[in-house]
Amino acid sequence: MTADWLGETLYPDWGQRFLVKEKLAGFTSPFQHIEVYDTASHGRVMVLDGAIQITERDEFVYQEMLVHVPLLGHGDARNVLIIGGGDGGVLRRVLQHRTVEQAVMVEIDGDVIRLAKQFLPGIGGDAWTDRRAQIIVGDGLRYVAESPDAAFDVIIVDSTDPVGVGEVLFTDAFYADCARVLTHSGLIVNQCGVPFMQADELRETSDRRARAFGHVSAYVAAVPTYVGGFMTLGIASKQTLPALSVDEISRRATIAGLQDMQYWSPDIHAASFALPPYIARCLLL
């Protein structure tokens, strides 16, 4: 019997593959091709247009770092906007902060939400029914453009790379609108790819964010299935973000009620802003 393998097609000359136990879903939505597999090594895996988006095995790395770093960096985030994030993992992590009063999630592809609820229920968990959550199936670009000024403390963009359906979330117009709808102390974070393979993505998105925000930086997380070494998460704010001590991060985490993390910790939080030179060079604006 020949084994069935799932091969990722993100890069034309480098990739990874997973031993497949079962293909659970394959569906072409109006926006993209969505697949869900049960794999031997990483549990259930969601794939969009041939690129691995999330796996049950290591989703905690990306989700914890994409959420806890900006929310604790802000220190008093009450209203949070999530653009994308249809699997529900970012929403769940945001709602782990008991200080958050409202989390609005805008996902353009309702079929991602549907398939995530059906085949990856543990990732979103109870977030879908949390009274503080508002889930909107719609265009995140339009939602931000139509939102009132200073409506949110933190914006988290959990999108694909800047191609296809996610391309509009890396534009000057989008970042300008995000700056407008953020409070004076607000900040935005979004994934900027793996610089070892996608240096231009970090460089170009950092340059675009700098046109709308006074402070632009990035931090790193080691997500096993995002191959190529460290993944970068770009962070930007209207005012300079202070470097927080481990003790201050711990204090804020206690107030937020965070516990039982698998990757994030106060030490990891502080250390994640120490960038290897090959990554830091991409931020020289």
C-alpha atoms as a PDB file:
ATOM      1  CA  MET A   1       0.000   0.000   0.000  1.00  0.00           C
ATOM      2  CA  THR A   2       1.379   3.430  -0.971  1.00  0.00           C
ATOM      3  CA  ALA A   3       1.254   6.086   1.727  1.00  0.00           C
ATOM      4  CA  ASP A   4      -0.700   9.276   0.990  1.00  0.00           C
ATOM      5  CA  TRP A   5       1.268  12.458   1.567  1.00  0.00           C
ATOM      6  CA  LEU A   6       0.155  16.078   1.709  1.00  0.00           C
ATOM      7  CA  GLY A   7       2.766  18.333   0.150  1.00  0.00           C
ATOM      8  CA  GLU A   8       2.709  22.079   0.761  1.00  0.00           C
ATOM      9  CA  THR A   9       3.064  24.259  -2.326  1.00  0.00           C
ATOM     10  CA  LEU A  10       3.832  27.636  -0.726  1.00  0.00           C
ATOM     11  CA  TYR A  11       7.306  27.830  -2.283  1.00  0.00           C
ATOM     12  CA  PRO A  12       8.158  26.475  -5.736  1.00  0.00           C
ATOM     13  CA  ASP A  13      11.566  25.111  -4.698  1.00  0.00           C
ATOM     14  CA  TRP A  14      11.198  24.139  -1.034  1.00  0.00           C
ATOM     15  CA  GLY A  15       8.445  22.482   0.946  1.00  0.00           C
ATOM     16  CA  GLN A  16       7.282  20.033   3.550  1.00  0.00           C
ATOM     17  CA  ARG A  17       4.936  17.075   3.569  1.00  0.00           C
ATOM     18  CA  PHE A  18       2.632  15.348   6.033  1.00  0.00           C
ATOM     19  CA  LEU A  19       1.585  11.710   6.185  1.00  0.00           C
ATOM     20  CA  VAL A  20      -2.177  11.771   5.691  1.00  0.00           C
ATOM     21  CA  LYS A  21      -4.485   9.501   7.651  1.00  0.00           C
ATOM     22  CA  GLU A  22      -7.650  10.871   6.055  1.00  0.00           C
ATOM     23  CA  LYS A  23      -8.819  13.751   3.908  1.00  0.00           C
ATOM     24  CA  LEU A  24     -11.749  15.265   5.766  1.00  0.00           C
ATOM     25  CA  ALA A  25     -12.801  18.085   3.453  1.00  0.00           C
ATOM     26  CA  GLY A  26     -12.040  19.669   0.110  1.00  0.00           C
ATOM     27  CA  PHE A  27     -14.078  22.672  -0.911  1.00  0.00           C
ATOM     28  CA  THR A  28     -13.686  25.644  -3.229  1.00  0.00           C
ATOM     29  CA  SER A  29     -15.335  28.721  -1.768  1.00  0.00           C
ATOM     30  CA  PRO A  30     -15.889  31.968  -3.691  1.00  0.00           C
ATOM     31  CA  PHE A  31     -12.503  33.090  -2.327  1.00  0.00           C
ATOM     32  CA  GLN A  32     -10.133  30.111  -2.127  1.00  0.00           C
ATOM     33  CA  HIS A  33      -9.690  26.345  -2.089  1.00  0.00           C
ATOM     34  CA  ILE A  34     -10.025  24.942   1.444  1.00  0.00           C
ATOM     35  CA  GLU A  35      -8.857  21.496   2.535  1.00  0.00           C
ATOM     36  CA  VAL A  36      -8.783  19.758   5.902  1.00  0.00           C
ATOM     37  CA  TYR A  37      -6.688  16.654   6.550  1.00  0.00           C
ATOM     38  CA  ASP A  38      -6.097  14.379   9.497  1.00  0.00           C
ATOM     39  CA  THR A  39      -2.338  13.776   9.632  1.00  0.00           C
ATOM     40  CA  ALA A  40      -0.192  11.304  11.532  1.00  0.00           C
ATOM     41  CA  SER A  41       2.167  13.872  13.042  1.00  0.00           C
ATOM     42  CA  HIS A  42       0.223  17.138  13.418  1.00  0.00           C
ATOM     43  CA  GLY A  43      -3.388  16.120  13.918  1.00  0.00           C
ATOM     44  CA  ARG A  44      -5.892  17.972  11.816  1.00  0.00           C
ATOM     45  CA  VAL A  45      -4.528  20.504   9.348  1.00  0.00           C
ATOM     46  CA  MET A  46      -6.266  23.264   7.388  1.00  0.00           C
ATOM     47  CA  VAL A  47      -4.833  24.190   3.990  1.00  0.00           C
ATOM     48  CA  LEU A  48      -5.803  27.241   1.921  1.00  0.00           C
ATOM     49  CA  ASP A  49      -4.791  27.309  -1.729  1.00  0.00           C
ATOM     50  CA  GLY A  50      -2.052  24.747  -1.063  1.00  0.00           C
ATOM     51  CA  ALA A  51      -0.489  26.559   1.913  1.00  0.00           C
ATOM     52  CA  ILE A  52      -0.609  25.220   5.465  1.00  0.00           C
ATOM     53  CA  GLN A  53      -2.614  27.620   7.628  1.00  0.00           C
ATOM     54  CA  ILE A  54      -2.974  25.851  10.952  1.00  0.00           C
ATOM     55  CA  THR A  55      -2.395  22.501  12.591  1.00  0.00           C
ATOM     56  CA  GLU A  56      -3.758  21.126  15.839  1.00  0.00           C
ATOM     57  CA  ARG A  57      -0.238  20.217  16.924  1.00  0.00           C
ATOM     58  CA  ASP A  58       1.421  23.633  16.928  1.00  0.00           C
ATOM     59  CA  GLU A  59      -1.333  26.241  16.561  1.00  0.00           C
ATOM     60  CA  PHE A  60      -0.692  27.417  20.110  1.00  0.00           C
ATOM     61  CA  VAL A  61       2.647  28.997  19.174  1.00  0.00           C
ATOM     62  CA  TYR A  62       1.257  31.343  16.555  1.00  0.00           C
ATOM     63  CA  GLN A  63      -2.004  32.106  18.340  1.00  0.00           C
ATOM     64  CA  GLU A  64      -0.492  32.847  21.738  1.00  0.00           C
ATOM     65  CA  MET A  65       2.185  35.146  20.326  1.00  0.00           C
ATOM     66  CA  LEU A  66      -0.115  36.936  17.894  1.00  0.00           C
ATOM     67  CA  VAL A  67      -2.532  37.764  20.732  1.00  0.00           C
ATOM     68  CA  HIS A  68      -0.833  37.992  24.099  1.00  0.00           C
ATOM     69  CA  VAL A  69       2.106  40.156  23.042  1.00  0.00           C
ATOM     70  CA  PRO A  70       0.021  43.055  21.670  1.00  0.00           C
ATOM     71  CA  LEU A  71      -2.717  42.879  24.293  1.00  0.00           C
ATOM     72  CA  LEU A  72      -0.274  42.882  27.173  1.00  0.00           C
ATOM     73  CA  GLY A  73       1.915  45.402  25.364  1.00  0.00           C
ATOM     74  CA  HIS A  74      -1.057  47.740  25.280  1.00  0.00           C
ATOM     75  CA  GLY A  75      -1.838  47.075  28.918  1.00  0.00           C
ATOM     76  CA  ASP A  76      -5.508  48.095  28.928  1.00  0.00           C
ATOM     77  CA  ALA A  77      -7.101  46.709  25.764  1.00  0.00           C
ATOM     78  CA  ARG A  78     -10.866  46.660  26.118  1.00  0.00           C
ATOM     79  CA  ASN A  79     -12.028  46.580  22.506  1.00  0.00           C
ATOM     80  CA  VAL A  80     -10.205  44.313  20.061  1.00  0.00           C
ATOM     81  CA  LEU A  81     -10.721  43.885  16.326  1.00  0.00           C
ATOM     82  CA  ILE A  82      -9.633  40.681  14.578  1.00  0.00           C
ATOM     83  CA  ILE A  83      -9.376  40.707  10.802  1.00  0.00           C
ATOM     84  CA  GLY A  84      -9.403  37.158   9.438  1.00  0.00           C
ATOM     85  CA  GLY A  85      -8.822  34.394  11.945  1.00  0.00           C
ATOM     86  CA  GLY A  86     -11.650  32.204  10.679  1.00  0.00           C
ATOM     87  CA  ASP A  87     -10.425  29.136  12.568  1.00  0.00           C
ATOM     88  CA  GLY A  88     -11.313  30.889  15.845  1.00  0.00           C
ATOM     89  CA  GLY A  89      -7.964  30.442  17.560  1.00  0.00           C
ATOM     90  CA  VAL A  90      -7.107  34.136  17.808  1.00  0.00           C
ATOM     91  CA  LEU A  91     -10.619  34.918  19.036  1.00  0.00           C
ATOM     92  CA  ARG A  92     -10.269  32.286  21.763  1.00  0.00           C
ATOM     93  CA  ARG A  93      -6.928  33.692  22.908  1.00  0.00           C
ATOM     94  CA  VAL A  94      -8.242  37.262  22.949  1.00  0.00           C
ATOM     95  CA  LEU A  95     -11.151  36.196  25.138  1.00  0.00           C
ATOM     96  CA  GLN A  96      -8.748  34.564  27.593  1.00  0.00           C
ATOM     97  CA  HIS A  97      -8.062  38.138  28.698  1.00  0.00           C
ATOM     98  CA  ARG A  98     -10.773  38.798  31.240  1.00  0.00           C
ATOM     99  CA  THR A  99     -10.151  42.545  30.835  1.00  0.00           C
ATOM    100  CA  VAL A 100     -11.370  42.463  27.204  1.00  0.00           C
ATOM    101  CA  GLU A 101     -14.931  43.743  26.932  1.00  0.00           C
ATOM    102  CA  GLN A 102     -15.545  43.192  23.219  1.00  0.00           C
ATOM    103  CA  ALA A 103     -13.835  41.179  20.477  1.00  0.00           C
ATOM    104  CA  VAL A 104     -15.057  41.738  16.922  1.00  0.00           C
ATOM    105  CA  MET A 105     -13.899  39.184  14.345  1.00  0.00           C
ATOM    106  CA  VAL A 106     -14.369  39.926  10.639  1.00  0.00           C
ATOM    107  CA  GLU A 107     -13.668  36.951   8.362  1.00  0.00           C
ATOM    108  CA  ILE A 108     -14.346  37.256   4.646  1.00  0.00           C
ATOM    109  CA  ASP A 109     -14.810  33.534   4.003  1.00  0.00           C
ATOM    110  CA  GLY A 110     -17.668  31.999   5.944  1.00  0.00           C
ATOM    111  CA  ASP A 111     -16.695  28.553   4.705  1.00  0.00           C
ATOM    112  CA  VAL A 112     -13.443  28.757   6.683  1.00  0.00           C
ATOM    113  CA  ILE A 113     -15.485  29.321   9.832  1.00  0.00           C
ATOM    114  CA  ARG A 114     -17.887  26.520   8.932  1.00  0.00           C
ATOM    115  CA  LEU A 115     -15.166  23.952   8.274  1.00  0.00           C
ATOM    116  CA  ALA A 116     -13.157  25.009  11.323  1.00  0.00           C
ATOM    117  CA  LYS A 117     -16.170  24.527  13.581  1.00  0.00           C
ATOM    118  CA  GLN A 118     -16.880  21.150  12.013  1.00  0.00           C
ATOM    119  CA  PHE A 119     -13.388  19.652  11.818  1.00  0.00           C
ATOM    120  CA  LEU A 120     -11.206  21.760  14.173  1.00  0.00           C
ATOM    121  CA  PRO A 121     -13.574  22.495  17.060  1.00  0.00           C
ATOM    122  CA  GLY A 122     -10.856  22.568  19.699  1.00  0.00           C
ATOM    123  CA  ILE A 123      -9.104  25.552  18.132  1.00  0.00           C
ATOM    124  CA  GLY A 124     -11.976  27.999  18.563  1.00  0.00           C
ATOM    125  CA  GLY A 125     -13.440  26.226  21.566  1.00  0.00           C
ATOM    126  CA  ASP A 126     -16.118  28.173  23.412  1.00  0.00           C
ATOM    127  CA  ALA A 127     -15.096  31.475  21.822  1.00  0.00           C
ATOM    128  CA  TRP A 128     -17.843  31.199  19.218  1.00  0.00           C
ATOM    129  CA  THR A 129     -20.548  31.530  21.881  1.00  0.00           C
ATOM    130  CA  ASP A 130     -18.806  33.948  24.260  1.00  0.00           C
ATOM    131  CA  ARG A 131     -21.085  36.921  24.923  1.00  0.00           C
ATOM    132  CA  ARG A 132     -18.182  39.321  24.320  1.00  0.00           C
ATOM    133  CA  ALA A 133     -17.594  38.023  20.801  1.00  0.00           C
ATOM    134  CA  GLN A 134     -19.121  39.480  17.655  1.00  0.00           C
ATOM    135  CA  ILE A 135     -18.465  37.395  14.543  1.00  0.00           C
ATOM    136  CA  ILE A 136     -19.003  39.034  11.166  1.00  0.00           C
ATOM    137  CA  VAL A 137     -18.690  37.286   7.813  1.00  0.00           C
ATOM    138  CA  GLY A 138     -17.617  40.121   5.587  1.00  0.00           C
ATOM    139  CA  ASP A 139     -14.858  42.232   4.073  1.00  0.00           C
ATOM    140  CA  GLY A 140     -12.358  43.331   6.725  1.00  0.00           C
ATOM    141  CA  LEU A 141     -11.038  46.123   4.518  1.00  0.00           C
ATOM    142  CA  ARG A 142     -14.516  47.607   4.190  1.00  0.00           C
ATOM    143  CA  TYR A 143     -15.299  47.083   7.871  1.00  0.00           C
ATOM    144  CA  VAL A 144     -12.244  49.087   8.925  1.00  0.00           C
ATOM    145  CA  ALA A 145     -12.928  51.793   6.337  1.00  0.00           C
ATOM    146  CA  GLU A 146     -16.467  52.222   7.690  1.00  0.00           C
ATOM    147  CA  SER A 147     -15.602  52.042  11.411  1.00  0.00           C
ATOM    148  CA  PRO A 148     -15.641  55.228  13.509  1.00  0.00           C
ATOM    149  CA  ASP A 149     -12.478  56.901  14.716  1.00  0.00           C
ATOM    150  CA  ALA A 150     -10.770  55.507  17.847  1.00  0.00           C
ATOM    151  CA  ALA A 151     -13.106  52.510  18.051  1.00  0.00           C
ATOM    152  CA  PHE A 152     -10.501  49.880  18.988  1.00  0.00           C
ATOM    153  CA  ASP A 153      -7.517  49.509  21.282  1.00  0.00           C
ATOM    154  CA  VAL A 154      -5.857  46.657  19.367  1.00  0.00           C
ATOM    155  CA  ILE A 155      -6.230  45.339  15.823  1.00  0.00           C
ATOM    156  CA  ILE A 156      -4.979  41.815  15.105  1.00  0.00           C
ATOM    157  CA  VAL A 157      -4.687  40.842  11.455  1.00  0.00           C
ATOM    158  CA  ASP A 158      -4.634  37.060  11.095  1.00  0.00           C
ATOM    159  CA  SER A 159      -4.449  36.661   7.352  1.00  0.00           C
ATOM    160  CA  THR A 160      -2.778  34.681   4.634  1.00  0.00           C
ATOM    161  CA  ASP A 161       0.351  36.056   2.943  1.00  0.00           C
ATOM    162  CA  PRO A 162      -0.138  39.170   0.745  1.00  0.00           C
ATOM    163  CA  VAL A 163      -1.460  37.254  -2.244  1.00  0.00           C
ATOM    164  CA  GLY A 164      -4.996  36.385  -3.277  1.00  0.00           C
ATOM    165  CA  VAL A 165      -7.720  37.107  -0.747  1.00  0.00           C
ATOM    166  CA  GLY A 166      -5.262  38.502   1.831  1.00  0.00           C
ATOM    167  CA  GLU A 167      -3.463  40.958  -0.456  1.00  0.00           C
ATOM    168  CA  VAL A 168      -5.675  43.959   0.363  1.00  0.00           C
ATOM    169  CA  LEU A 169      -4.740  43.679   4.059  1.00  0.00           C
ATOM    170  CA  PHE A 170      -1.178  44.790   3.336  1.00  0.00           C
ATOM    171  CA  THR A 171      -1.929  48.076   1.553  1.00  0.00           C
ATOM    172  CA  ASP A 172      -1.356  51.748   2.402  1.00  0.00           C
ATOM    173  CA  ALA A 173      -5.097  52.412   2.458  1.00  0.00           C
ATOM    174  CA  PHE A 174      -5.766  49.597   4.915  1.00  0.00           C
ATOM    175  CA  TYR A 175      -3.025  50.669   7.332  1.00  0.00           C
ATOM    176  CA  ALA A 176      -4.179  54.302   7.163  1.00  0.00           C
ATOM    177  CA  ASP A 177      -7.708  53.273   8.094  1.00  0.00           C
ATOM    178  CA  CYS A 178      -6.385  51.071  10.906  1.00  0.00           C
ATOM    179  CA  ALA A 179      -4.470  54.030  12.335  1.00  0.00           C
ATOM    180  CA  ARG A 180      -7.639  56.109  12.246  1.00  0.00           C
ATOM    181  CA  VAL A 181      -9.854  53.566  14.027  1.00  0.00           C
ATOM    182  CA  LEU A 182      -7.275  52.877  16.751  1.00  0.00           C
ATOM    183  CA  THR A 183      -7.221  54.866  19.961  1.00  0.00           C
ATOM    184  CA  HIS A 184      -4.274  57.149  20.685  1.00  0.00           C
ATOM    185  CA  SER A 185      -2.478  54.335  22.523  1.00  0.00           C
ATOM    186  CA  GLY A 186      -3.719  51.635  20.144  1.00  0.00           C
ATOM    187  CA  LEU A 187      -1.594  49.213  18.179  1.00  0.00           C
ATOM    188  CA  ILE A 188      -1.829  46.774  15.305  1.00  0.00           C
ATOM    189  CA  VAL A 189      -0.139  43.425  14.775  1.00  0.00           C
ATOM    190  CA  ASN A 190      -0.051  41.187  11.721  1.00  0.00           C
ATOM    191  CA  GLN A 191       1.964  38.221  10.488  1.00  0.00           C
ATOM    192  CA  CYS A 192       4.820  39.231   8.175  1.00  0.00           C
ATOM    193  CA  GLY A 193       6.027  35.852   6.983  1.00  0.00           C
ATOM    194  CA  VAL A 194       9.252  33.910   7.512  1.00  0.00           C
ATOM    195  CA  PRO A 195      12.112  36.304   6.642  1.00  0.00           C
ATOM    196  CA  PHE A 196      14.513  33.512   5.701  1.00  0.00           C
ATOM    197  CA  MET A 197      12.237  32.862   2.729  1.00  0.00           C
ATOM    198  CA  GLN A 198      10.061  35.988   2.630  1.00  0.00           C
ATOM    199  CA  ALA A 199      12.349  38.903   3.515  1.00  0.00           C
ATOM    200  CA  ASP A 200      10.609  41.183   1.011  1.00  0.00           C
ATOM    201  CA  GLU A 201       7.295  40.644   2.781  1.00  0.00           C
ATOM    202  CA  LEU A 202       8.630  41.928   6.101  1.00  0.00           C
ATOM    203  CA  ARG A 203      10.552  44.754   4.461  1.00  0.00           C
ATOM    204  CA  GLU A 204       7.666  45.999   2.334  1.00  0.00           C
ATOM    205  CA  THR A 205       4.937  45.682   4.957  1.00  0.00           C
ATOM    206  CA  SER A 206       7.113  47.446   7.530  1.00  0.00           C
ATOM    207  CA  ASP A 207       7.634  50.292   5.090  1.00  0.00           C
ATOM    208  CA  ARG A 208       3.897  50.534   4.475  1.00  0.00           C
ATOM    209  CA  ARG A 209       3.051  50.519   8.186  1.00  0.00           C
ATOM    210  CA  ALA A 210       5.591  53.296   8.775  1.00  0.00           C
ATOM    211  CA  ARG A 211       3.566  55.579   6.494  1.00  0.00           C
ATOM    212  CA  ALA A 212       0.626  55.381   8.917  1.00  0.00           C
ATOM    213  CA  PHE A 213       2.249  54.753  12.303  1.00  0.00           C
ATOM    214  CA  GLY A 214       5.002  56.518  14.197  1.00  0.00           C
ATOM    215  CA  HIS A 215       6.463  53.348  15.679  1.00  0.00           C
ATOM    216  CA  VAL A 216       7.072  50.161  13.689  1.00  0.00           C
ATOM    217  CA  SER A 217       8.757  47.029  14.975  1.00  0.00           C
ATOM    218  CA  ALA A 218       8.523  43.248  14.870  1.00  0.00           C
ATOM    219  CA  TYR A 219       8.976  40.239  17.094  1.00  0.00           C
ATOM    220  CA  VAL A 220       9.527  36.580  16.386  1.00  0.00           C
ATOM    221  CA  ALA A 221       8.003  33.184  17.113  1.00  0.00           C
ATOM    222  CA  ALA A 222       9.229  29.736  16.121  1.00  0.00           C
ATOM    223  CA  VAL A 223       6.217  28.023  14.521  1.00  0.00           C
ATOM    224  CA  PRO A 224       7.294  24.544  13.343  1.00  0.00           C
ATOM    225  CA  THR A 225       4.941  24.283  10.383  1.00  0.00           C
ATOM    226  CA  TYR A 226       5.793  27.751   9.039  1.00  0.00           C
ATOM    227  CA  VAL A 227       9.038  26.433   7.604  1.00  0.00           C
ATOM    228  CA  GLY A 228      12.176  28.519   7.314  1.00  0.00           C
ATOM    229  CA  GLY A 229      13.001  29.462  10.900  1.00  0.00           C
ATOM    230  CA  PHE A 230      11.533  32.356  12.835  1.00  0.00           C
ATOM    231  CA  MET A 231       8.224  33.824  11.794  1.00  0.00           C
ATOM    232  CA  THR A 232       7.892  37.572  12.221  1.00  0.00           C
ATOM    233  CA  LEU A 233       4.890  39.365  13.641  1.00  0.00           C
ATOM    234  CA  GLY A 234       4.853  43.041  12.742  1.00  0.00           C
ATOM    235  CA  ILE A 235       3.670  45.487  15.358  1.00  0.00           C
ATOM    236  CA  ALA A 236       2.967  49.182  14.927  1.00  0.00           C
ATOM    237  CA  SER A 237       1.560  51.983  17.063  1.00  0.00           C
ATOM    238  CA  LYS A 238       1.021  55.713  16.955  1.00  0.00           C
ATOM    239  CA  GLN A 239       3.405  56.220  19.846  1.00  0.00           C
ATOM    240  CA  THR A 240       6.591  54.416  20.824  1.00  0.00           C
ATOM    241  CA  LEU A 241       5.965  51.199  22.712  1.00  0.00           C
ATOM    242  CA  PRO A 242       8.030  51.007  25.898  1.00  0.00           C
ATOM    243  CA  ALA A 243      10.224  47.961  26.406  1.00  0.00           C
ATOM    244  CA  LEU A 244       8.480  46.078  29.198  1.00  0.00           C
ATOM    245  CA  SER A 245      10.367  44.258  31.920  1.00  0.00           C
ATOM    246  CA  VAL A 246       9.576  40.626  32.610  1.00  0.00           C
ATOM    247  CA  ASP A 247       8.113  41.659  35.969  1.00  0.00           C
ATOM    248  CA  GLU A 248       5.766  44.181  34.344  1.00  0.00           C
ATOM    249  CA  ILE A 249       4.644  41.647  31.733  1.00  0.00           C
ATOM    250  CA  SER A 250       3.962  39.157  34.542  1.00  0.00           C
ATOM    251  CA  ARG A 251       1.940  41.758  36.438  1.00  0.00           C
ATOM    252  CA  ARG A 252      -0.190  42.538  33.392  1.00  0.00           C
ATOM    253  CA  ALA A 253      -0.704  38.840  32.660  1.00  0.00           C
ATOM    254  CA  THR A 254      -1.950  38.294  36.202  1.00  0.00           C
ATOM    255  CA  ILE A 255      -4.456  41.125  35.852  1.00  0.00           C
ATOM    256  CA  ALA A 256      -5.622  39.662  32.529  1.00  0.00           C
ATOM    257  CA  GLY A 257      -6.037  36.231  34.116  1.00  0.00           C
ATOM    258  CA  LEU A 258      -3.675  34.392  31.786  1.00  0.00           C
ATOM    259  CA  GLN A 259      -2.487  30.961  32.810  1.00  0.00           C
ATOM    260  CA  ASP A 260      -1.462  27.567  31.405  1.00  0.00           C
ATOM    261  CA  MET A 261       0.247  28.843  28.256  1.00  0.00           C
ATOM    262  CA  GLN A 262       2.263  26.439  26.092  1.00  0.00           C
ATOM    263  CA  TYR A 263       4.606  28.842  24.271  1.00  0.00           C
ATOM    264  CA  TRP A 264       4.073  32.378  25.519  1.00  0.00           C
ATOM    265  CA  SER A 265       5.599  33.368  28.836  1.00  0.00           C
ATOM    266  CA  PRO A 266       6.762  36.709  30.241  1.00  0.00           C
ATOM    267  CA  ASP A 267      10.368  35.757  29.446  1.00  0.00           C
ATOM    268  CA  ILE A 268       9.530  34.679  25.893  1.00  0.00           C
ATOM    269  CA  HIS A 269       7.478  37.854  25.438  1.00  0.00           C
ATOM    270  CA  ALA A 270      10.408  40.088  26.372  1.00  0.00           C
ATOM    271  CA  ALA A 271      12.979  38.051  24.433  1.00  0.00           C
ATOM    272  CA  SER A 272      10.904  37.882  21.238  1.00  0.00           C
ATOM    273  CA  PHE A 273      11.837  41.465  20.377  1.00  0.00           C
ATOM    274  CA  ALA A 274      15.539  40.561  20.215  1.00  0.00           C
ATOM    275  CA  LEU A 275      15.882  40.061  16.471  1.00  0.00           C
ATOM    276  CA  PRO A 276      18.677  38.227  14.642  1.00  0.00           C
ATOM    277  CA  PRO A 277      20.561  40.695  12.408  1.00  0.00           C
ATOM    278  CA  TYR A 278      19.263  39.173   9.174  1.00  0.00           C
ATOM    279  CA  ILE A 279      15.729  39.953  10.350  1.00  0.00           C
ATOM    280  CA  ALA A 280      16.492  43.332  11.932  1.00  0.00           C
ATOM    281  CA  ARG A 281      17.931  44.558   8.630  1.00  0.00           C
ATOM    282  CA  CYS A 282      14.490  44.188   7.061  1.00  0.00           C
ATOM    283  CA  LEU A 283      13.175  46.816   9.495  1.00  0.00           C
ATOM    284  CA  LEU A 284      15.685  49.538   8.580  1.00  0.00           C
ATOM    285  CA  LEU A 285      13.223  52.041   7.168  1.00  0.00           C
END
